[in-house]
């Protein structure tokens, strides 16, 4: 397994892990967004630009969810 393939495996594995943990804390949503950015970078580096583009969009969506969840948590405190 070359370095780029390992990087991609790590990125999507982190996405899966953080997605599964999202209900525990808004910070896992932020971590999911970060892992989406890593997966996007992998897609572009590998030459699969549609994958890279979709993962970049997922990162933006996850950041919006993080901000919303964090604001809800602050208001309920």
Protein backbone atom coordinates (compact mmCIF):
# COMPACT_ATOMS: atom_id res chain seq x y z
CA UNK A 1 0.00 0.00 0.00
CA UNK A 2 1.48 3.32 -1.02
CA UNK A 3 1.38 6.48 1.08
CA UNK A 4 -1.50 8.11 -0.79
CA UNK A 5 -3.69 5.03 -0.44
CA UNK A 6 -2.91 4.86 3.27
CA UNK A 7 -3.77 8.56 3.62
CA UNK A 8 -7.13 7.95 1.93
CA UNK A 9 -7.86 4.94 4.11
CA UNK A 10 -7.04 6.95 7.23
CA UNK A 11 -9.23 9.88 6.11
CA UNK A 12 -12.34 7.82 5.39
CA UNK A 13 -11.81 5.69 8.51
CA UNK A 14 -11.75 8.85 10.62
CA UNK A 15 -14.89 10.05 8.86
CA UNK A 16 -16.67 6.85 9.82
CA UNK A 17 -15.46 7.00 13.42
CA UNK A 18 -16.40 10.64 13.97
CA UNK A 19 -19.75 10.22 12.22
CA UNK A 20 -20.59 7.39 14.62
CA UNK A 21 -19.67 9.60 17.61
CA UNK A 22 -21.47 12.79 16.51
CA UNK A 23 -24.33 12.42 18.99
CA UNK A 24 -21.89 12.53 21.92
CA UNK A 25 -20.55 16.04 21.34
CA UNK A 26 -20.58 18.83 18.75
CA UNK A 27 -16.80 18.53 18.71
CA UNK A 28 -17.12 15.18 16.95
CA UNK A 29 -19.05 16.99 14.21
CA UNK A 30 -16.11 19.37 13.86
CA UNK A 31 -13.74 16.39 13.74
CA UNK A 32 -15.96 14.85 11.07
CA UNK A 33 -15.68 18.07 9.05
CA UNK A 34 -11.90 17.95 9.38
CA UNK A 35 -11.79 14.36 8.21
CA UNK A 36 -13.98 15.34 5.24
CA UNK A 37 -11.35 17.94 4.34
CA UNK A 38 -8.69 15.21 4.51
CA UNK A 39 -10.80 12.92 2.31
CA UNK A 40 -11.32 15.79 -0.13
CA UNK A 41 -7.58 16.36 -0.33
CA UNK A 42 -7.12 12.66 -0.97
CA UNK A 43 -9.66 12.75 -3.80
CA UNK A 44 -7.96 15.66 -5.50
CA UNK A 45 -4.47 14.19 -5.00
CA UNK A 46 -5.60 10.87 -6.42
CA UNK A 47 -7.16 12.55 -9.43
CA UNK A 48 -10.75 11.73 -8.53
CA UNK A 49 -11.95 15.34 -8.52
CA UNK A 50 -15.68 14.50 -8.22
CA UNK A 51 -14.94 12.66 -4.95
CA UNK A 52 -12.79 15.56 -3.78
CA UNK A 53 -15.51 18.06 -4.61
CA UNK A 54 -18.27 16.12 -2.85
CA UNK A 55 -16.14 15.65 0.26
CA UNK A 56 -15.40 19.39 0.31
CA UNK A 57 -19.15 20.07 0.21
CA UNK A 58 -19.68 17.58 3.07
CA UNK A 59 -17.05 19.48 5.07
CA UNK A 60 -18.98 22.75 4.61
CA UNK A 61 -22.26 21.05 5.57
CA UNK A 62 -20.65 19.53 8.67
CA UNK A 63 -19.21 22.91 9.70
CA UNK A 64 -22.68 24.44 9.46
CA UNK A 65 -24.08 21.60 11.58
CA UNK A 66 -21.29 22.10 14.12
CA UNK A 67 -22.03 25.82 14.43
CA UNK A 68 -25.74 25.16 14.79
CA UNK A 69 -25.28 22.40 17.39
CA UNK A 70 -22.78 24.49 19.36
CA UNK A 71 -25.15 27.49 19.37
CA UNK A 72 -28.00 25.25 20.58
CA UNK A 73 -25.81 23.89 23.34
CA UNK A 74 -24.78 27.39 24.47
CA UNK A 75 -28.39 28.60 24.48
CA UNK A 76 -29.58 25.65 26.56
CA UNK A 77 -26.82 26.15 29.14
